[in-house]
Amino acid sequence: MSEEQTPAGADASAIRRLSEAREKIVAQLSQVIVGQTEVIEELLICMFARGHCLLEGVPGLAKTLLISTLARSLNLSFQRIQFTPDLMPADITGTDIIEENRSTGARERRFLEGPLFSNMILADEINRTPPKTQAALLEAMQERTVTVGRTRHQLSDPFFVLATQNPIEQEGTYPLPEAQQDRFMFKVFVNYPSFLEEFEVARRTTAVQVDRIQPALSGQEIIELQRTVREVPVSDHIIRYALSIVRQTRIGTPGVPDFVSDQVGWGAGPRAVQFLILGGKARALLHGRTHVTTEDIAALAKPVLRHRIVVNFAAQSDGITADKIIDQLVSVTPSKEDALTNDARFKKIFAS
């Protein structure tokens, strides 16, 4: 099946539903947020693909404002958790308390839910809290349950964690290990605004502000859209293309490019392939298509892979970043099916 063909049985109404949802959310966000178009799209892709997102950027770039405004534009319960060095796991998961039953006088155990029992969680400055609390959050992200004592409690559905961290102030922080960052579908960089965007920010924020954010989607509608994303078909060629990009990050694998062997200490795991394909499905629908192309996969390679590739010390000292390596990988990976499957180097990668 070629990339240009629409697969049989594809639901054209899926495009309309997701397109309408996107327009509603963007319209609400634009009342408060200036620019950040790419960041907003990646957040929406992550949400509709049922993933979690890690945002990184210097202070003052409206990361927290963006997430809180997104929560207001959705008819979901929302909790903001400010991560601090003294935050304990029970502070976010909840705890059992002993209280007296007024009718019988007996003491009974009751579970008091923590802030994780909401649909959308803003984990603000996640790298400021100790690993024990980070692990409690990451367990909830992966299992979508919380275990307190001997009882497992189911979290709400839908459930998103949008975490922020500051890349420049490392004193008193506990950086997330790569294995824990792997729980996040995307790692999104929030960059400085352009001149015109910053001009608009300065104009808006120094005048009287009136925003009328209205919920654009309900929780049930989001769940239905997530199910629609899963139903988008993907050709074998697209899966091979995603696999080829990810498998080229793994040093020691036959056919891996020399620059990867020289610059990478550790590569991405199978979860990266899953998120590339799921993200590609959501992006395709957001862009008005019911089929995934190699362009979708290439466009999401950075947010999916940048926190799953460990650049070795020698490469870091030369100013090489994970993003630069990903750009090289995309450039050396053919997007056409015949070129990919007939290339001797990729035959080695697929056979390993």
C-alpha atoms as a PDB file:
ATOM      1  CA  MET A   1       0.000   0.000   0.000  1.00  0.00           C
ATOM      2  CA  SER A   2       1.462   3.352  -0.967  1.00  0.00           C
ATOM      3  CA  GLU A   3       1.660   6.265   1.424  1.00  0.00           C
ATOM      4  CA  GLU A   4      -0.649   8.363  -0.749  1.00  0.00           C
ATOM      5  CA  GLN A   5      -3.548   5.914  -0.730  1.00  0.00           C
ATOM      6  CA  THR A   6      -6.291   6.032   1.878  1.00  0.00           C
ATOM      7  CA  PRO A   7      -6.755   2.539   3.327  1.00  0.00           C
ATOM      8  CA  ALA A   8     -10.066   0.803   2.757  1.00  0.00           C
ATOM      9  CA  GLY A   9     -12.403   1.198   5.683  1.00  0.00           C
ATOM     10  CA  ALA A  10     -10.739   4.346   6.985  1.00  0.00           C
ATOM     11  CA  ASP A  11     -13.280   6.522   8.778  1.00  0.00           C
ATOM     12  CA  ALA A  12     -13.257   9.988   7.201  1.00  0.00           C
ATOM     13  CA  SER A  13     -15.346  11.282  10.119  1.00  0.00           C
ATOM     14  CA  ALA A  14     -12.342  10.628  12.364  1.00  0.00           C
ATOM     15  CA  ILE A  15     -10.505  13.468  10.649  1.00  0.00           C
ATOM     16  CA  ARG A  16     -13.439  15.793  11.180  1.00  0.00           C
ATOM     17  CA  ARG A  17     -13.820  14.888  14.859  1.00  0.00           C
ATOM     18  CA  LEU A  18     -10.143  15.351  15.674  1.00  0.00           C
ATOM     19  CA  SER A  19      -9.866  18.465  13.520  1.00  0.00           C
ATOM     20  CA  GLU A  20     -12.818  20.058  15.300  1.00  0.00           C
ATOM     21  CA  ALA A  21     -11.346  19.127  18.675  1.00  0.00           C
ATOM     22  CA  ARG A  22      -8.012  20.642  17.735  1.00  0.00           C
ATOM     23  CA  GLU A  23      -9.588  23.886  16.513  1.00  0.00           C
ATOM     24  CA  LYS A  24     -11.615  24.252  19.716  1.00  0.00           C
ATOM     25  CA  ILE A  25      -8.606  23.704  21.983  1.00  0.00           C
ATOM     26  CA  VAL A  26      -6.272  25.973  19.995  1.00  0.00           C
ATOM     27  CA  ALA A  27      -8.929  28.701  19.975  1.00  0.00           C
ATOM     28  CA  GLN A  28      -9.111  28.573  23.769  1.00  0.00           C
ATOM     29  CA  LEU A  29      -5.329  28.467  24.230  1.00  0.00           C
ATOM     30  CA  SER A  30      -4.789  31.427  21.893  1.00  0.00           C
ATOM     31  CA  GLN A  31      -6.620  33.664  24.358  1.00  0.00           C
ATOM     32  CA  VAL A  32      -3.706  33.258  26.771  1.00  0.00           C
ATOM     33  CA  ILE A  33      -0.738  31.710  24.953  1.00  0.00           C
ATOM     34  CA  VAL A  34       1.183  33.527  22.217  1.00  0.00           C
ATOM     35  CA  GLY A  35       2.963  31.353  19.638  1.00  0.00           C
ATOM     36  CA  GLN A  36       4.358  27.961  20.774  1.00  0.00           C
ATOM     37  CA  THR A  37       2.541  26.334  17.835  1.00  0.00           C
ATOM     38  CA  GLU A  38       4.845  23.327  17.646  1.00  0.00           C
ATOM     39  CA  VAL A  39       4.736  22.753  21.412  1.00  0.00           C
ATOM     40  CA  ILE A  40       0.928  22.874  21.409  1.00  0.00           C
ATOM     41  CA  GLU A  41       0.730  20.381  18.531  1.00  0.00           C
ATOM     42  CA  GLU A  42       3.077  17.964  20.273  1.00  0.00           C
ATOM     43  CA  LEU A  43       1.042  18.256  23.490  1.00  0.00           C
ATOM     44  CA  LEU A  44      -2.157  17.453  21.597  1.00  0.00           C
ATOM     45  CA  ILE A  45      -0.538  14.506  19.793  1.00  0.00           C
ATOM     46  CA  CYS A  46       0.642  13.186  23.141  1.00  0.00           C
ATOM     47  CA  MET A  47      -2.797  13.593  24.703  1.00  0.00           C
ATOM     48  CA  PHE A  48      -4.699  11.927  21.856  1.00  0.00           C
ATOM     49  CA  ALA A  49      -2.131   9.086  21.776  1.00  0.00           C
ATOM     50  CA  ARG A  50      -2.684   8.499  25.528  1.00  0.00           C
ATOM     51  CA  GLY A  51       0.865   9.408  26.492  1.00  0.00           C
ATOM     52  CA  HIS A  52       2.631  11.619  29.038  1.00  0.00           C
ATOM     53  CA  CYS A  53       4.813  14.605  28.203  1.00  0.00           C
ATOM     54  CA  LEU A  54       7.957  16.153  29.715  1.00  0.00           C
ATOM     55  CA  LEU A  55       8.514  19.844  28.938  1.00  0.00           C
ATOM     56  CA  GLU A  56      11.940  21.383  29.366  1.00  0.00           C
ATOM     57  CA  GLY A  57      12.790  25.060  29.115  1.00  0.00           C
ATOM     58  CA  VAL A  58      14.311  27.958  30.992  1.00  0.00           C
ATOM     59  CA  PRO A  59      12.141  29.900  33.486  1.00  0.00           C
ATOM     60  CA  GLY A  60       9.602  32.375  32.172  1.00  0.00           C
ATOM     61  CA  LEU A  61       8.577  30.624  28.948  1.00  0.00           C
ATOM     62  CA  ALA A  62       4.999  29.962  30.130  1.00  0.00           C
ATOM     63  CA  LYS A  63       5.347  26.188  30.505  1.00  0.00           C
ATOM     64  CA  THR A  64       3.147  26.108  33.593  1.00  0.00           C
ATOM     65  CA  LEU A  65       0.686  28.627  32.104  1.00  0.00           C
ATOM     66  CA  LEU A  66       0.391  26.577  28.921  1.00  0.00           C
ATOM     67  CA  ILE A  67      -0.444  23.372  30.794  1.00  0.00           C
ATOM     68  CA  SER A  68      -2.870  25.002  33.226  1.00  0.00           C
ATOM     69  CA  THR A  69      -4.645  26.751  30.322  1.00  0.00           C
ATOM     70  CA  LEU A  70      -4.866  23.445  28.434  1.00  0.00           C
ATOM     71  CA  ALA A  71      -6.474  21.908  31.526  1.00  0.00           C
ATOM     72  CA  ARG A  72      -9.002  24.755  31.676  1.00  0.00           C
ATOM     73  CA  SER A  73      -9.869  24.210  28.003  1.00  0.00           C
ATOM     74  CA  LEU A  74     -10.814  20.602  28.780  1.00  0.00           C
ATOM     75  CA  ASN A  75     -13.661  19.487  30.999  1.00  0.00           C
ATOM     76  CA  LEU A  76     -11.299  17.449  33.197  1.00  0.00           C
ATOM     77  CA  SER A  77     -10.263  17.472  36.824  1.00  0.00           C
ATOM     78  CA  PHE A  78      -6.841  19.100  37.214  1.00  0.00           C
ATOM     79  CA  GLN A  79      -4.186  19.189  39.930  1.00  0.00           C
ATOM     80  CA  ARG A  80      -0.936  21.111  40.007  1.00  0.00           C
ATOM     81  CA  ILE A  81       1.780  19.547  42.170  1.00  0.00           C
ATOM     82  CA  GLN A  82       4.762  21.737  43.000  1.00  0.00           C
ATOM     83  CA  PHE A  83       7.635  19.289  43.417  1.00  0.00           C
ATOM     84  CA  THR A  84       9.957  20.239  46.263  1.00  0.00           C
ATOM     85  CA  PRO A  85      12.798  18.434  48.081  1.00  0.00           C
ATOM     86  CA  ASP A  86      10.559  17.637  51.077  1.00  0.00           C
ATOM     87  CA  LEU A  87       7.666  16.178  49.029  1.00  0.00           C
ATOM     88  CA  MET A  88       6.910  12.586  50.087  1.00  0.00           C
ATOM     89  CA  PRO A  89       5.235   9.828  48.008  1.00  0.00           C
ATOM     90  CA  ALA A  90       2.133   9.860  50.237  1.00  0.00           C
ATOM     91  CA  ASP A  91       1.731  13.580  49.493  1.00  0.00           C
ATOM     92  CA  ILE A  92       0.877  12.761  45.884  1.00  0.00           C
ATOM     93  CA  THR A  93      -0.582   9.237  46.029  1.00  0.00           C
ATOM     94  CA  GLY A  94      -2.699   9.593  49.163  1.00  0.00           C
ATOM     95  CA  THR A  95      -2.651   7.754  52.458  1.00  0.00           C
ATOM     96  CA  ASP A  96      -4.752   5.616  54.808  1.00  0.00           C
ATOM     97  CA  ILE A  97      -6.147   7.436  57.831  1.00  0.00           C
ATOM     98  CA  ILE A  98      -7.835   6.130  60.988  1.00  0.00           C
ATOM     99  CA  GLU A  99     -11.137   7.745  61.880  1.00  0.00           C
ATOM    100  CA  GLU A 100     -13.905   7.000  64.315  1.00  0.00           C
ATOM    101  CA  ASN A 101     -17.256   5.748  63.099  1.00  0.00           C
ATOM    102  CA  ARG A 102     -19.741   8.040  64.876  1.00  0.00           C
ATOM    103  CA  SER A 103     -22.572   5.502  64.764  1.00  0.00           C
ATOM    104  CA  THR A 104     -20.648   2.545  66.227  1.00  0.00           C
ATOM    105  CA  GLY A 105     -17.725   4.230  67.969  1.00  0.00           C
ATOM    106  CA  ALA A 106     -15.334   1.837  66.233  1.00  0.00           C
ATOM    107  CA  ARG A 107     -12.183   3.035  64.528  1.00  0.00           C
ATOM    108  CA  GLU A 108     -12.022   2.413  60.796  1.00  0.00           C
ATOM    109  CA  ARG A 109      -9.378   2.794  58.128  1.00  0.00           C
ATOM    110  CA  ARG A 110     -10.217   5.126  55.224  1.00  0.00           C
ATOM    111  CA  PHE A 111      -8.156   5.981  52.150  1.00  0.00           C
ATOM    112  CA  LEU A 112      -7.660   9.697  51.583  1.00  0.00           C
ATOM    113  CA  GLU A 113      -6.950  10.289  47.903  1.00  0.00           C
ATOM    114  CA  GLY A 114      -3.949  12.354  46.868  1.00  0.00           C
ATOM    115  CA  PRO A 115      -3.726  14.803  43.948  1.00  0.00           C
ATOM    116  CA  LEU A 116      -2.862  11.988  41.502  1.00  0.00           C
ATOM    117  CA  PHE A 117      -6.553  11.057  41.490  1.00  0.00           C
ATOM    118  CA  SER A 118      -7.321  13.626  38.810  1.00  0.00           C
ATOM    119  CA  ASN A 119      -7.499  13.464  35.016  1.00  0.00           C
ATOM    120  CA  MET A 120      -4.666  15.897  34.321  1.00  0.00           C
ATOM    121  CA  ILE A 121      -1.595  16.327  36.516  1.00  0.00           C
ATOM    122  CA  LEU A 122       0.913  19.150  36.233  1.00  0.00           C
ATOM    123  CA  ALA A 123       4.145  17.924  37.844  1.00  0.00           C
ATOM    124  CA  ASP A 124       5.899  21.267  38.151  1.00  0.00           C
ATOM    125  CA  GLU A 125       9.711  21.079  38.361  1.00  0.00           C
ATOM    126  CA  ILE A 126       9.737  17.296  38.651  1.00  0.00           C
ATOM    127  CA  ASN A 127      13.525  17.262  39.033  1.00  0.00           C
ATOM    128  CA  ARG A 128      13.315  19.104  42.375  1.00  0.00           C
ATOM    129  CA  THR A 129      11.914  16.172  44.326  1.00  0.00           C
ATOM    130  CA  PRO A 130      13.827  13.083  45.571  1.00  0.00           C
ATOM    131  CA  PRO A 131      13.864   9.845  43.525  1.00  0.00           C
ATOM    132  CA  LYS A 132      11.445   8.089  45.901  1.00  0.00           C
ATOM    133  CA  THR A 133       8.675  10.581  45.107  1.00  0.00           C
ATOM    134  CA  GLN A 134       9.585  10.647  41.420  1.00  0.00           C
ATOM    135  CA  ALA A 135       9.255   6.852  41.365  1.00  0.00           C
ATOM    136  CA  ALA A 136       5.768   7.021  42.941  1.00  0.00           C
ATOM    137  CA  LEU A 137       4.639   9.348  40.161  1.00  0.00           C
ATOM    138  CA  LEU A 138       6.262   7.285  37.411  1.00  0.00           C
ATOM    139  CA  GLU A 139       4.647   4.085  38.728  1.00  0.00           C
ATOM    140  CA  ALA A 140       1.246   5.766  38.493  1.00  0.00           C
ATOM    141  CA  MET A 141       2.059   6.882  34.935  1.00  0.00           C
ATOM    142  CA  GLN A 142       2.967   3.366  33.844  1.00  0.00           C
ATOM    143  CA  GLU A 143       0.390   1.271  35.714  1.00  0.00           C
ATOM    144  CA  ARG A 144      -2.332   3.940  36.046  1.00  0.00           C
ATOM    145  CA  THR A 145      -2.872   2.620  39.556  1.00  0.00           C
ATOM    146  CA  VAL A 146      -1.647   3.570  43.019  1.00  0.00           C
ATOM    147  CA  THR A 147      -0.850   0.976  45.674  1.00  0.00           C
ATOM    148  CA  VAL A 148      -1.142   2.109  49.293  1.00  0.00           C
ATOM    149  CA  GLY A 149      -0.560  -0.580  51.893  1.00  0.00           C
ATOM    150  CA  ARG A 150      -2.045  -3.759  50.433  1.00  0.00           C
ATOM    151  CA  THR A 151      -4.726  -2.057  48.364  1.00  0.00           C
ATOM    152  CA  ARG A 152      -4.435  -1.049  44.716  1.00  0.00           C
ATOM    153  CA  HIS A 153      -6.463   1.981  43.684  1.00  0.00           C
ATOM    154  CA  GLN A 154      -7.395   2.664  40.060  1.00  0.00           C
ATOM    155  CA  LEU A 155      -6.673   6.150  38.725  1.00  0.00           C
ATOM    156  CA  SER A 156      -9.085   8.232  36.664  1.00  0.00           C
ATOM    157  CA  ASP A 157      -9.441   7.825  32.908  1.00  0.00           C
ATOM    158  CA  PRO A 158      -8.288   9.754  30.953  1.00  0.00           C
ATOM    159  CA  PHE A 159      -5.064  10.322  32.885  1.00  0.00           C
ATOM    160  CA  PHE A 160      -2.227  12.570  31.699  1.00  0.00           C
ATOM    161  CA  VAL A 161       0.964  13.679  33.409  1.00  0.00           C
ATOM    162  CA  LEU A 162       2.552  16.829  32.005  1.00  0.00           C
ATOM    163  CA  ALA A 163       5.832  17.472  33.794  1.00  0.00           C
ATOM    164  CA  THR A 164       8.191  20.445  33.593  1.00  0.00           C
ATOM    165  CA  GLN A 165      11.851  20.796  34.429  1.00  0.00           C
ATOM    166  CA  ASN A 166      14.434  23.558  34.323  1.00  0.00           C
ATOM    167  CA  PRO A 167      17.624  22.630  32.373  1.00  0.00           C
ATOM    168  CA  ILE A 168      19.897  25.394  33.701  1.00  0.00           C
ATOM    169  CA  GLU A 169      19.516  25.389  37.481  1.00  0.00           C
ATOM    170  CA  GLN A 170      20.838  22.041  38.708  1.00  0.00           C
ATOM    171  CA  GLU A 171      21.753  22.874  42.328  1.00  0.00           C
ATOM    172  CA  GLY A 172      19.474  20.993  44.715  1.00  0.00           C
ATOM    173  CA  THR A 173      17.850  18.933  41.962  1.00  0.00           C
ATOM    174  CA  TYR A 174      17.465  15.216  41.319  1.00  0.00           C
ATOM    175  CA  PRO A 175      17.682  14.741  37.523  1.00  0.00           C
ATOM    176  CA  LEU A 176      15.429  12.033  36.112  1.00  0.00           C
ATOM    177  CA  PRO A 177      17.453   8.963  35.059  1.00  0.00           C
ATOM    178  CA  GLU A 178      17.076   7.890  31.427  1.00  0.00           C
ATOM    179  CA  ALA A 179      15.119   4.790  32.479  1.00  0.00           C
ATOM    180  CA  GLN A 180      12.524   6.987  34.190  1.00  0.00           C
ATOM    181  CA  GLN A 181      12.402   9.523  31.366  1.00  0.00           C
ATOM    182  CA  ASP A 182      11.495   6.589  29.105  1.00  0.00           C
ATOM    183  CA  ARG A 183       8.015   6.596  30.704  1.00  0.00           C
ATOM    184  CA  PHE A 184       7.297   9.890  28.953  1.00  0.00           C
ATOM    185  CA  MET A 185       6.085   9.621  25.372  1.00  0.00           C
ATOM    186  CA  PHE A 186       7.591  12.990  24.390  1.00  0.00           C
ATOM    187  CA  LYS A 187      10.276  15.278  25.697  1.00  0.00           C
ATOM    188  CA  VAL A 188       9.430  18.718  24.338  1.00  0.00           C
ATOM    189  CA  PHE A 189      11.817  21.675  24.333  1.00  0.00           C
ATOM    190  CA  VAL A 190      10.155  25.036  24.972  1.00  0.00           C
ATOM    191  CA  ASN A 191      12.298  27.689  23.274  1.00  0.00           C
ATOM    192  CA  TYR A 192      12.439  31.468  23.419  1.00  0.00           C
ATOM    193  CA  PRO A 193       9.702  33.290  21.454  1.00  0.00           C
ATOM    194  CA  SER A 194      10.378  35.188  18.254  1.00  0.00           C
ATOM    195  CA  PHE A 195      10.580  38.994  18.292  1.00  0.00           C
ATOM    196  CA  LEU A 196       6.963  39.429  17.169  1.00  0.00           C
ATOM    197  CA  GLU A 197       5.718  36.808  19.640  1.00  0.00           C
ATOM    198  CA  GLU A 198       7.593  38.398  22.530  1.00  0.00           C
ATOM    199  CA  PHE A 199       6.287  41.821  21.465  1.00  0.00           C
ATOM    200  CA  GLU A 200       2.731  40.446  21.695  1.00  0.00           C
ATOM    201  CA  VAL A 201       3.477  38.827  25.069  1.00  0.00           C
ATOM    202  CA  ALA A 202       4.768  42.139  26.422  1.00  0.00           C
ATOM    203  CA  ARG A 203       1.724  44.005  25.059  1.00  0.00           C
ATOM    204  CA  ARG A 204      -0.816  41.545  26.464  1.00  0.00           C
ATOM    205  CA  THR A 205       0.686  40.918  29.892  1.00  0.00           C
ATOM    206  CA  THR A 206       1.159  44.586  30.755  1.00  0.00           C
ATOM    207  CA  ALA A 207      -2.468  45.502  30.017  1.00  0.00           C
ATOM    208  CA  VAL A 208      -5.781  44.452  31.524  1.00  0.00           C
ATOM    209  CA  GLN A 209      -6.308  40.803  30.641  1.00  0.00           C
ATOM    210  CA  VAL A 210      -9.682  39.164  30.181  1.00  0.00           C
ATOM    211  CA  ASP A 211      -9.805  35.560  29.083  1.00  0.00           C
ATOM    212  CA  ARG A 212     -12.927  33.491  28.839  1.00  0.00           C
ATOM    213  CA  ILE A 213     -11.654  29.935  28.619  1.00  0.00           C
ATOM    214  CA  GLN A 214     -14.471  27.501  27.909  1.00  0.00           C
ATOM    215  CA  PRO A 215     -14.134  23.696  28.109  1.00  0.00           C
ATOM    216  CA  ALA A 216     -13.850  22.346  24.565  1.00  0.00           C
ATOM    217  CA  LEU A 217     -13.841  18.580  25.217  1.00  0.00           C
ATOM    218  CA  SER A 218     -15.135  16.235  27.897  1.00  0.00           C
ATOM    219  CA  GLY A 219     -13.284  13.255  29.310  1.00  0.00           C
ATOM    220  CA  GLN A 220     -15.502  10.811  27.433  1.00  0.00           C
ATOM    221  CA  GLU A 221     -14.897  12.635  24.146  1.00  0.00           C
ATOM    222  CA  ILE A 222     -11.131  12.428  24.707  1.00  0.00           C
ATOM    223  CA  ILE A 223     -11.376   8.690  25.388  1.00  0.00           C
ATOM    224  CA  GLU A 224     -13.329   8.216  22.137  1.00  0.00           C
ATOM    225  CA  LEU A 225     -10.730  10.225  20.177  1.00  0.00           C
ATOM    226  CA  GLN A 226      -7.938   8.151  21.724  1.00  0.00           C
ATOM    227  CA  ARG A 227      -9.721   5.023  20.536  1.00  0.00           C
ATOM    228  CA  THR A 228     -10.064   6.547  17.055  1.00  0.00           C
ATOM    229  CA  VAL A 229      -6.301   7.186  16.934  1.00  0.00           C
ATOM    230  CA  ARG A 230      -5.638   3.519  17.715  1.00  0.00           C
ATOM    231  CA  GLU A 231      -7.860   2.485  14.775  1.00  0.00           C
ATOM    232  CA  VAL A 232      -5.761   4.337  12.183  1.00  0.00           C
ATOM    233  CA  PRO A 233      -4.077   1.695   9.961  1.00  0.00           C
ATOM    234  CA  VAL A 234      -0.308   1.674   9.435  1.00  0.00           C
ATOM    235  CA  SER A 235       1.417  -0.041   6.506  1.00  0.00           C
ATOM    236  CA  ASP A 236       4.307  -2.458   7.092  1.00  0.00           C
ATOM    237  CA  HIS A 237       6.639  -0.030   5.329  1.00  0.00           C
ATOM    238  CA  ILE A 238       5.928   2.695   7.915  1.00  0.00           C
ATOM    239  CA  ILE A 239       6.596   0.254  10.751  1.00  0.00           C
ATOM    240  CA  ARG A 240       9.892  -0.779   9.124  1.00  0.00           C
ATOM    241  CA  TYR A 241      10.822   2.897   8.715  1.00  0.00           C
ATOM    242  CA  ALA A 242      10.174   3.588  12.421  1.00  0.00           C
ATOM    243  CA  LEU A 243      12.089   0.449  13.371  1.00  0.00           C
ATOM    244  CA  SER A 244      15.034   1.380  11.177  1.00  0.00           C
ATOM    245  CA  ILE A 245      15.426   4.788  12.839  1.00  0.00           C
ATOM    246  CA  VAL A 246      15.217   3.370  16.367  1.00  0.00           C
ATOM    247  CA  ARG A 247      17.423   0.317  15.762  1.00  0.00           C
ATOM    248  CA  GLN A 248      20.161   2.510  14.298  1.00  0.00           C
ATOM    249  CA  THR A 249      20.581   4.110  17.745  1.00  0.00           C
ATOM    250  CA  ARG A 250      21.763   0.828  19.283  1.00  0.00           C
ATOM    251  CA  ILE A 251      25.521   0.515  19.239  1.00  0.00           C
ATOM    252  CA  GLY A 252      26.883  -2.942  18.475  1.00  0.00           C
ATOM    253  CA  THR A 253      24.016  -3.762  16.096  1.00  0.00           C
ATOM    254  CA  PRO A 254      25.104  -4.731  12.537  1.00  0.00           C
ATOM    255  CA  GLY A 255      24.576  -1.926  10.050  1.00  0.00           C
ATOM    256  CA  VAL A 256      24.597   0.896  12.608  1.00  0.00           C
ATOM    257  CA  PRO A 257      26.196   4.083  11.163  1.00  0.00           C
ATOM    258  CA  ASP A 258      29.723   4.955  12.289  1.00  0.00           C
ATOM    259  CA  PHE A 259      28.650   8.296  13.777  1.00  0.00           C
ATOM    260  CA  VAL A 260      26.269   6.455  16.115  1.00  0.00           C
ATOM    261  CA  SER A 261      28.991   4.058  17.256  1.00  0.00           C
ATOM    262  CA  ASP A 262      31.309   7.032  17.870  1.00  0.00           C
ATOM    263  CA  GLN A 263      28.831   9.353  19.616  1.00  0.00           C
ATOM    264  CA  VAL A 264      26.146   7.274  21.362  1.00  0.00           C
ATOM    265  CA  GLY A 265      26.580   5.527  24.702  1.00  0.00           C
ATOM    266  CA  TRP A 266      23.141   3.918  24.791  1.00  0.00           C
ATOM    267  CA  GLY A 267      20.241   3.715  22.360  1.00  0.00           C
ATOM    268  CA  ALA A 268      16.450   3.674  22.448  1.00  0.00           C
ATOM    269  CA  GLY A 269      14.326   0.676  23.424  1.00  0.00           C
ATOM    270  CA  PRO A 270      11.142  -0.832  21.927  1.00  0.00           C
ATOM    271  CA  ARG A 271       8.919   1.743  23.634  1.00  0.00           C
ATOM    272  CA  ALA A 272      10.346   4.337  21.231  1.00  0.00           C
ATOM    273  CA  VAL A 273       8.959   2.412  18.226  1.00  0.00           C
ATOM    274  CA  GLN A 274       5.541   2.142  19.848  1.00  0.00           C
ATOM    275  CA  PHE A 275       5.406   5.881  20.567  1.00  0.00           C
ATOM    276  CA  LEU A 276       6.630   6.801  17.078  1.00  0.00           C
ATOM    277  CA  ILE A 277       3.797   4.815  15.516  1.00  0.00           C
ATOM    278  CA  LEU A 278       1.118   5.991  17.954  1.00  0.00           C
ATOM    279  CA  GLY A 279       2.283   9.577  17.597  1.00  0.00           C
ATOM    280  CA  GLY A 280       2.306   9.187  13.817  1.00  0.00           C
ATOM    281  CA  LYS A 281      -1.330   8.046  13.910  1.00  0.00           C
ATOM    282  CA  ALA A 282      -2.417  11.055  15.972  1.00  0.00           C
ATOM    283  CA  ARG A 283      -0.392  13.470  13.820  1.00  0.00           C
ATOM    284  CA  ALA A 284      -1.870  12.040  10.630  1.00  0.00           C
ATOM    285  CA  LEU A 285      -5.428  12.675  11.857  1.00  0.00           C
ATOM    286  CA  LEU A 286      -4.525  16.169  13.091  1.00  0.00           C
ATOM    287  CA  HIS A 287      -3.143  16.920   9.620  1.00  0.00           C
ATOM    288  CA  GLY A 288      -6.267  15.677   7.856  1.00  0.00           C
ATOM    289  CA  ARG A 289      -5.174  12.177   6.832  1.00  0.00           C
ATOM    290  CA  THR A 290      -6.416   8.706   7.747  1.00  0.00           C
ATOM    291  CA  HIS A 291      -3.064   7.077   6.991  1.00  0.00           C
ATOM    292  CA  VAL A 292       0.433   7.503   8.436  1.00  0.00           C
ATOM    293  CA  THR A 293       3.384   8.574   6.283  1.00  0.00           C
ATOM    294  CA  THR A 294       7.128   8.526   6.813  1.00  0.00           C
ATOM    295  CA  GLU A 295       6.893  12.314   7.188  1.00  0.00           C
ATOM    296  CA  ASP A 296       4.840  11.805  10.368  1.00  0.00           C
ATOM    297  CA  ILE A 297       7.468   9.464  11.801  1.00  0.00           C
ATOM    298  CA  ALA A 298      10.375  11.761  10.898  1.00  0.00           C
ATOM    299  CA  ALA A 299       8.599  14.803  12.367  1.00  0.00           C
ATOM    300  CA  LEU A 300       8.215  13.064  15.736  1.00  0.00           C
ATOM    301  CA  ALA A 301      11.679  11.498  15.868  1.00  0.00           C
ATOM    302  CA  LYS A 302      13.125  14.267  18.077  1.00  0.00           C
ATOM    303  CA  PRO A 303      10.455  14.452  20.801  1.00  0.00           C
ATOM    304  CA  VAL A 304      10.310  10.643  20.978  1.00  0.00           C
ATOM    305  CA  LEU A 305      14.047   9.888  20.865  1.00  0.00           C
ATOM    306  CA  ARG A 306      15.900  12.848  22.427  1.00  0.00           C
ATOM    307  CA  HIS A 307      15.451  11.543  25.994  1.00  0.00           C
ATOM    308  CA  ARG A 308      16.073   7.923  25.007  1.00  0.00           C
ATOM    309  CA  ILE A 309      19.527   8.412  23.453  1.00  0.00           C
ATOM    310  CA  VAL A 310      22.514   8.777  25.759  1.00  0.00           C
ATOM    311  CA  VAL A 311      25.283  10.809  24.112  1.00  0.00           C
ATOM    312  CA  ASN A 312      28.735   9.692  25.277  1.00  0.00           C
ATOM    313  CA  PHE A 313      31.146  12.038  27.029  1.00  0.00           C
ATOM    314  CA  ALA A 314      33.466  12.507  24.048  1.00  0.00           C
ATOM    315  CA  ALA A 315      30.571  13.613  21.831  1.00  0.00           C
ATOM    316  CA  GLN A 316      29.194  15.933  24.518  1.00  0.00           C
ATOM    317  CA  SER A 317      32.579  17.641  24.804  1.00  0.00           C
ATOM    318  CA  ASP A 318      32.411  18.322  21.045  1.00  0.00           C
ATOM    319  CA  GLY A 319      28.980  19.917  21.385  1.00  0.00           C
ATOM    320  CA  ILE A 320      27.072  16.965  19.918  1.00  0.00           C
ATOM    321  CA  THR A 321      23.495  16.683  21.179  1.00  0.00           C
ATOM    322  CA  ALA A 322      20.873  13.975  20.834  1.00  0.00           C
ATOM    323  CA  ASP A 323      18.929  16.209  18.438  1.00  0.00           C
ATOM    324  CA  LYS A 324      21.921  16.481  16.079  1.00  0.00           C
ATOM    325  CA  ILE A 325      22.309  12.694  16.057  1.00  0.00           C
ATOM    326  CA  ILE A 326      18.582  12.258  15.329  1.00  0.00           C
ATOM    327  CA  ASP A 327      18.819  14.694  12.410  1.00  0.00           C
ATOM    328  CA  GLN A 328      21.661  12.614  10.968  1.00  0.00           C
ATOM    329  CA  LEU A 329      19.719   9.375  11.454  1.00  0.00           C
ATOM    330  CA  VAL A 330      16.674  10.735   9.616  1.00  0.00           C
ATOM    331  CA  SER A 331      18.879  12.036   6.787  1.00  0.00           C
ATOM    332  CA  VAL A 332      20.576   8.638   6.219  1.00  0.00           C
ATOM    333  CA  THR A 333      17.349   6.599   6.425  1.00  0.00           C
ATOM    334  CA  PRO A 334      15.553   6.278   3.054  1.00  0.00           C
ATOM    335  CA  SER A 335      11.829   6.914   3.180  1.00  0.00           C
ATOM    336  CA  LYS A 336      10.923   4.892   0.086  1.00  0.00           C
ATOM    337  CA  GLU A 337      10.030   1.249   0.635  1.00  0.00           C
ATOM    338  CA  ASP A 338      12.208  -0.214  -2.124  1.00  0.00           C
ATOM    339  CA  ALA A 339      15.257   1.826  -1.073  1.00  0.00           C
ATOM    340  CA  LEU A 340      14.819   0.820   2.560  1.00  0.00           C
ATOM    341  CA  THR A 341      14.287  -2.899   2.034  1.00  0.00           C
ATOM    342  CA  ASN A 342      16.924  -3.332  -0.706  1.00  0.00           C
ATOM    343  CA  ASP A 343      19.711  -1.430   1.047  1.00  0.00           C
ATOM    344  CA  ALA A 344      22.408  -3.858   2.255  1.00  0.00           C
ATOM    345  CA  ARG A 345      22.956  -1.927   5.490  1.00  0.00           C
ATOM    346  CA  PHE A 346      19.292  -2.059   6.461  1.00  0.00           C
ATOM    347  CA  LYS A 347      19.066  -5.740   5.582  1.00  0.00           C
ATOM    348  CA  LYS A 348      21.671  -6.261   8.326  1.00  0.00           C
ATOM    349  CA  ILE A 349      19.677  -4.099  10.758  1.00  0.00           C
ATOM    350  CA  PHE A 350      16.415  -5.946  10.085  1.00  0.00           C
ATOM    351  CA  ALA A 351      18.136  -9.336  10.339  1.00  0.00           C
ATOM    352  CA  SER A 352      19.838  -8.591  13.692  1.00  0.00           C
END
